[in-house]
Amino acid sequence: MRRDATFIGVEVDDDAAVDAALAATLAETCPVDIYADAGGRVEIVEPNVDECILCDMCVAAAPPGAVAVHRLYEGPAVDA
């Protein structure tokens, strides 16, 4: 998880990060381009993380526990 972010922290489980289908799904699903498909691997696009609109689409698209979105300013994590 990015530690220097101001508002949002995003985590992808290590095993899920190498799932080519998940990489493509997350890259297509995220409306603010936080995820990229880096040759079949999930890449978090760091400059876009604080643009997260907390839509939870990435959590819904991923297997349970694969993706977590943390509100760094308050409130609990949004987990699958």
N, C-alpha and C. Protein backbone atom coordinates (compact mmCIF):
# COMPACT_ATOMS: atom_id res chain seq x y z
N MET A 1 0.85 -1.19 0.00
CA MET A 1 0.00 0.00 0.00
C MET A 1 0.89 1.24 0.00
N ARG A 2 0.49 2.21 -0.75
CA ARG A 2 1.22 3.46 -0.85
C ARG A 2 1.13 4.21 0.48
N ARG A 3 2.24 4.50 1.10
CA ARG A 3 2.27 5.12 2.42
C ARG A 3 2.25 6.65 2.37
N ASP A 4 2.59 7.24 1.23
CA ASP A 4 2.63 8.70 1.14
C ASP A 4 1.34 9.30 0.60
N ALA A 5 0.34 8.45 0.37
CA ALA A 5 -0.94 8.94 -0.13
C ALA A 5 -1.62 9.78 0.94
N THR A 6 -2.44 10.69 0.51
CA THR A 6 -3.13 11.58 1.43
C THR A 6 -4.49 11.03 1.83
N PHE A 7 -5.24 10.51 0.88
CA PHE A 7 -6.62 10.13 1.14
C PHE A 7 -6.89 8.63 1.06
N ILE A 8 -6.27 7.95 0.11
CA ILE A 8 -6.62 6.56 -0.19
C ILE A 8 -5.38 5.69 -0.24
N GLY A 9 -5.51 4.48 0.28
CA GLY A 9 -4.48 3.46 0.13
C GLY A 9 -5.12 2.26 -0.56
N VAL A 10 -4.43 1.68 -1.54
CA VAL A 10 -4.95 0.55 -2.29
C VAL A 10 -3.99 -0.61 -2.13
N GLU A 11 -4.55 -1.79 -1.85
CA GLU A 11 -3.74 -3.00 -1.73
C GLU A 11 -4.29 -4.07 -2.65
N VAL A 12 -3.40 -4.81 -3.28
CA VAL A 12 -3.77 -5.98 -4.07
C VAL A 12 -2.94 -7.14 -3.52
N ASP A 13 -3.62 -8.23 -3.15
CA ASP A 13 -2.97 -9.42 -2.64
C ASP A 13 -1.91 -9.89 -3.64
N ASP A 14 -0.76 -10.34 -3.14
CA ASP A 14 0.33 -10.77 -4.00
C ASP A 14 -0.07 -11.87 -4.98
N ASP A 15 -0.85 -12.84 -4.50
CA ASP A 15 -1.28 -13.93 -5.39
C ASP A 15 -2.23 -13.41 -6.47
N ALA A 16 -3.10 -12.48 -6.10
CA ALA A 16 -4.05 -11.92 -7.06
C ALA A 16 -3.35 -11.01 -8.07
N ALA A 17 -2.27 -10.38 -7.67
CA ALA A 17 -1.56 -9.43 -8.54
C ALA A 17 -0.98 -10.10 -9.79
N VAL A 18 -0.79 -11.40 -9.76
CA VAL A 18 -0.23 -12.10 -10.92
C VAL A 18 -1.31 -12.82 -11.74
N ASP A 19 -2.55 -12.54 -11.46
CA ASP A 19 -3.68 -13.11 -12.20
C ASP A 19 -3.97 -12.23 -13.41
N ALA A 20 -3.67 -12.75 -14.60
CA ALA A 20 -3.81 -11.97 -15.82
C ALA A 20 -5.26 -11.53 -16.06
N ALA A 21 -6.21 -12.39 -15.75
CA ALA A 21 -7.62 -12.03 -15.95
C ALA A 21 -8.02 -10.91 -15.00
N LEU A 22 -7.57 -10.98 -13.76
CA LEU A 22 -7.88 -9.92 -12.80
C LEU A 22 -7.21 -8.61 -13.21
N ALA A 23 -5.99 -8.68 -13.70
CA ALA A 23 -5.30 -7.46 -14.15
C ALA A 23 -6.10 -6.76 -15.23
N ALA A 24 -6.59 -7.52 -16.19
CA ALA A 24 -7.39 -6.94 -17.28
C ALA A 24 -8.70 -6.39 -16.75
N THR A 25 -9.34 -7.12 -15.85
CA THR A 25 -10.62 -6.68 -15.29
C THR A 25 -10.48 -5.40 -14.50
N LEU A 26 -9.48 -5.32 -13.63
CA LEU A 26 -9.30 -4.11 -12.82
C LEU A 26 -8.96 -2.91 -13.69
N ALA A 27 -8.11 -3.11 -14.69
CA ALA A 27 -7.73 -2.01 -15.58
C ALA A 27 -8.95 -1.48 -16.34
N GLU A 28 -9.84 -2.39 -16.71
CA GLU A 28 -11.04 -1.99 -17.45
C GLU A 28 -12.11 -1.39 -16.53
N THR A 29 -12.18 -1.87 -15.31
CA THR A 29 -13.26 -1.50 -14.39
C THR A 29 -13.07 -0.15 -13.73
N CYS A 30 -11.87 0.19 -13.34
CA CYS A 30 -11.64 1.41 -12.55
C CYS A 30 -11.88 2.68 -13.37
N PRO A 31 -12.82 3.52 -12.91
CA PRO A 31 -13.13 4.73 -13.67
C PRO A 31 -12.06 5.82 -13.59
N VAL A 32 -11.11 5.69 -12.67
CA VAL A 32 -10.06 6.72 -12.55
C VAL A 32 -8.67 6.14 -12.79
N ASP A 33 -8.62 4.97 -13.42
CA ASP A 33 -7.37 4.36 -13.89
C ASP A 33 -6.33 4.15 -12.78
N ILE A 34 -6.77 3.60 -11.65
CA ILE A 34 -5.83 3.28 -10.58
C ILE A 34 -5.06 2.00 -10.91
N TYR A 35 -5.67 1.12 -11.68
CA TYR A 35 -5.06 -0.17 -12.01
C TYR A 35 -4.70 -0.20 -13.49
N ALA A 36 -3.56 -0.85 -13.76
CA ALA A 36 -3.14 -1.07 -15.14
C ALA A 36 -2.78 -2.55 -15.29
N ASP A 37 -2.95 -3.06 -16.50
CA ASP A 37 -2.55 -4.42 -16.83
C ASP A 37 -1.13 -4.33 -17.36
N ALA A 38 -0.18 -4.77 -16.55
CA ALA A 38 1.24 -4.71 -16.93
C ALA A 38 1.68 -6.10 -17.38
N GLY A 39 1.28 -6.45 -18.59
CA GLY A 39 1.65 -7.75 -19.13
C GLY A 39 1.07 -8.92 -18.34
N GLY A 40 -0.18 -8.79 -17.92
CA GLY A 40 -0.82 -9.86 -17.18
C GLY A 40 -0.64 -9.78 -15.68
N ARG A 41 -0.14 -8.68 -15.23
CA ARG A 41 0.08 -8.45 -13.80
C ARG A 41 -0.61 -7.15 -13.41
N VAL A 42 -1.21 -7.14 -12.22
CA VAL A 42 -1.87 -5.92 -11.75
C VAL A 42 -0.81 -4.91 -11.34
N GLU A 43 -0.90 -3.73 -11.91
CA GLU A 43 -0.01 -2.63 -11.51
C GLU A 43 -0.89 -1.51 -10.95
N ILE A 44 -0.48 -0.97 -9.80
CA ILE A 44 -1.19 0.17 -9.23
C ILE A 44 -0.53 1.43 -9.77
N VAL A 45 -1.33 2.29 -10.39
CA VAL A 45 -0.82 3.53 -10.97
C VAL A 45 -0.80 4.57 -9.84
N GLU A 46 0.34 4.70 -9.21
CA GLU A 46 0.49 5.51 -7.99
C GLU A 46 -0.04 6.94 -8.11
N PRO A 47 0.23 7.67 -9.19
CA PRO A 47 -0.27 9.04 -9.26
C PRO A 47 -1.79 9.16 -9.26
N ASN A 48 -2.48 8.06 -9.56
CA ASN A 48 -3.95 8.09 -9.64
C ASN A 48 -4.64 7.63 -8.36
N VAL A 49 -3.91 7.10 -7.41
CA VAL A 49 -4.53 6.49 -6.22
C VAL A 49 -5.41 7.49 -5.47
N ASP A 50 -4.95 8.69 -5.24
CA ASP A 50 -5.75 9.66 -4.50
C ASP A 50 -6.94 10.20 -5.30
N GLU A 51 -7.08 9.75 -6.55
CA GLU A 51 -8.25 10.12 -7.35
C GLU A 51 -9.41 9.16 -7.12
N CYS A 52 -9.20 8.12 -6.33
CA CYS A 52 -10.23 7.12 -6.07
C CYS A 52 -11.51 7.78 -5.59
N ILE A 53 -12.63 7.35 -6.18
CA ILE A 53 -13.93 7.91 -5.82
C ILE A 53 -14.72 6.97 -4.92
N LEU A 54 -14.06 5.93 -4.41
CA LEU A 54 -14.65 4.97 -3.49
C LEU A 54 -15.91 4.32 -4.05
N CYS A 55 -15.89 4.00 -5.33
CA CYS A 55 -17.03 3.37 -5.98
C CYS A 55 -17.14 1.89 -5.64
N ASP A 56 -16.07 1.29 -5.17
CA ASP A 56 -16.00 -0.13 -4.78
C ASP A 56 -16.10 -1.09 -5.97
N MET A 57 -16.02 -0.59 -7.18
CA MET A 57 -16.12 -1.47 -8.35
C MET A 57 -14.95 -2.45 -8.41
N CYS A 58 -13.77 -2.03 -7.97
CA CYS A 58 -12.61 -2.92 -7.99
C CYS A 58 -12.78 -4.05 -6.99
N VAL A 59 -13.29 -3.72 -5.82
CA VAL A 59 -13.52 -4.73 -4.79
C VAL A 59 -14.57 -5.73 -5.28
N ALA A 60 -15.62 -5.25 -5.91
CA ALA A 60 -16.68 -6.12 -6.41
C ALA A 60 -16.19 -7.01 -7.56
N ALA A 61 -15.25 -6.52 -8.35
CA ALA A 61 -14.75 -7.26 -9.51
C ALA A 61 -13.70 -8.30 -9.14
N ALA A 62 -13.13 -8.18 -7.96
CA ALA A 62 -12.05 -9.06 -7.54
C ALA A 62 -12.56 -10.18 -6.64
N PRO A 63 -11.81 -11.28 -6.57
CA PRO A 63 -12.18 -12.34 -5.63
C PRO A 63 -12.11 -11.80 -4.19
N PRO A 64 -12.85 -12.40 -3.27
CA PRO A 64 -12.83 -11.94 -1.88
C PRO A 64 -11.41 -11.87 -1.31
N GLY A 65 -11.09 -10.73 -0.73
CA GLY A 65 -9.79 -10.53 -0.11
C GLY A 65 -8.66 -10.14 -1.05
N ALA A 66 -8.92 -10.06 -2.34
CA ALA A 66 -7.86 -9.77 -3.31
C ALA A 66 -7.51 -8.29 -3.38
N VAL A 67 -8.51 -7.43 -3.19
CA VAL A 67 -8.30 -5.98 -3.29
C VAL A 67 -8.89 -5.31 -2.05
N ALA A 68 -8.16 -4.35 -1.52
CA ALA A 68 -8.66 -3.55 -0.40
C ALA A 68 -8.42 -2.09 -0.70
N VAL A 69 -9.41 -1.27 -0.38
CA VAL A 69 -9.29 0.18 -0.53
C VAL A 69 -9.43 0.78 0.86
N HIS A 70 -8.40 1.49 1.29
CA HIS A 70 -8.38 2.06 2.63
C HIS A 70 -8.58 3.56 2.58
N ARG A 71 -9.50 4.03 3.37
CA ARG A 71 -9.68 5.47 3.54
C ARG A 71 -8.67 5.90 4.60
N LEU A 72 -7.66 6.64 4.21
CA LEU A 72 -6.60 7.01 5.14
C LEU A 72 -6.99 8.15 6.06
N TYR A 73 -8.04 8.85 5.71
CA TYR A 73 -8.45 10.02 6.47
C TYR A 73 -9.45 9.68 7.57
N GLU A 74 -10.23 8.60 7.43
CA GLU A 74 -11.17 8.12 8.45
C GLU A 74 -11.93 6.94 7.93
N GLY A 75 -12.57 6.19 8.79
CA GLY A 75 -13.44 5.11 8.40
C GLY A 75 -12.72 3.81 8.14
N PRO A 76 -13.48 2.72 8.04
CA PRO A 76 -12.89 1.40 7.84
C PRO A 76 -12.52 1.14 6.38
N ALA A 77 -11.79 0.08 6.19
CA ALA A 77 -11.42 -0.35 4.84
C ALA A 77 -12.64 -0.89 4.12
N VAL A 78 -12.61 -0.84 2.80
CA VAL A 78 -13.63 -1.45 1.97
C VAL A 78 -13.00 -2.72 1.43
N ASP A 79 -13.40 -3.86 1.98
CA ASP A 79 -12.81 -5.14 1.62
C ASP A 79 -13.84 -6.06 1.00
N ALA A 80 -13.35 -6.99 0.22
CA ALA A 80 -14.23 -8.06 -0.31
C ALA A 80 -14.22 -9.20 0.67
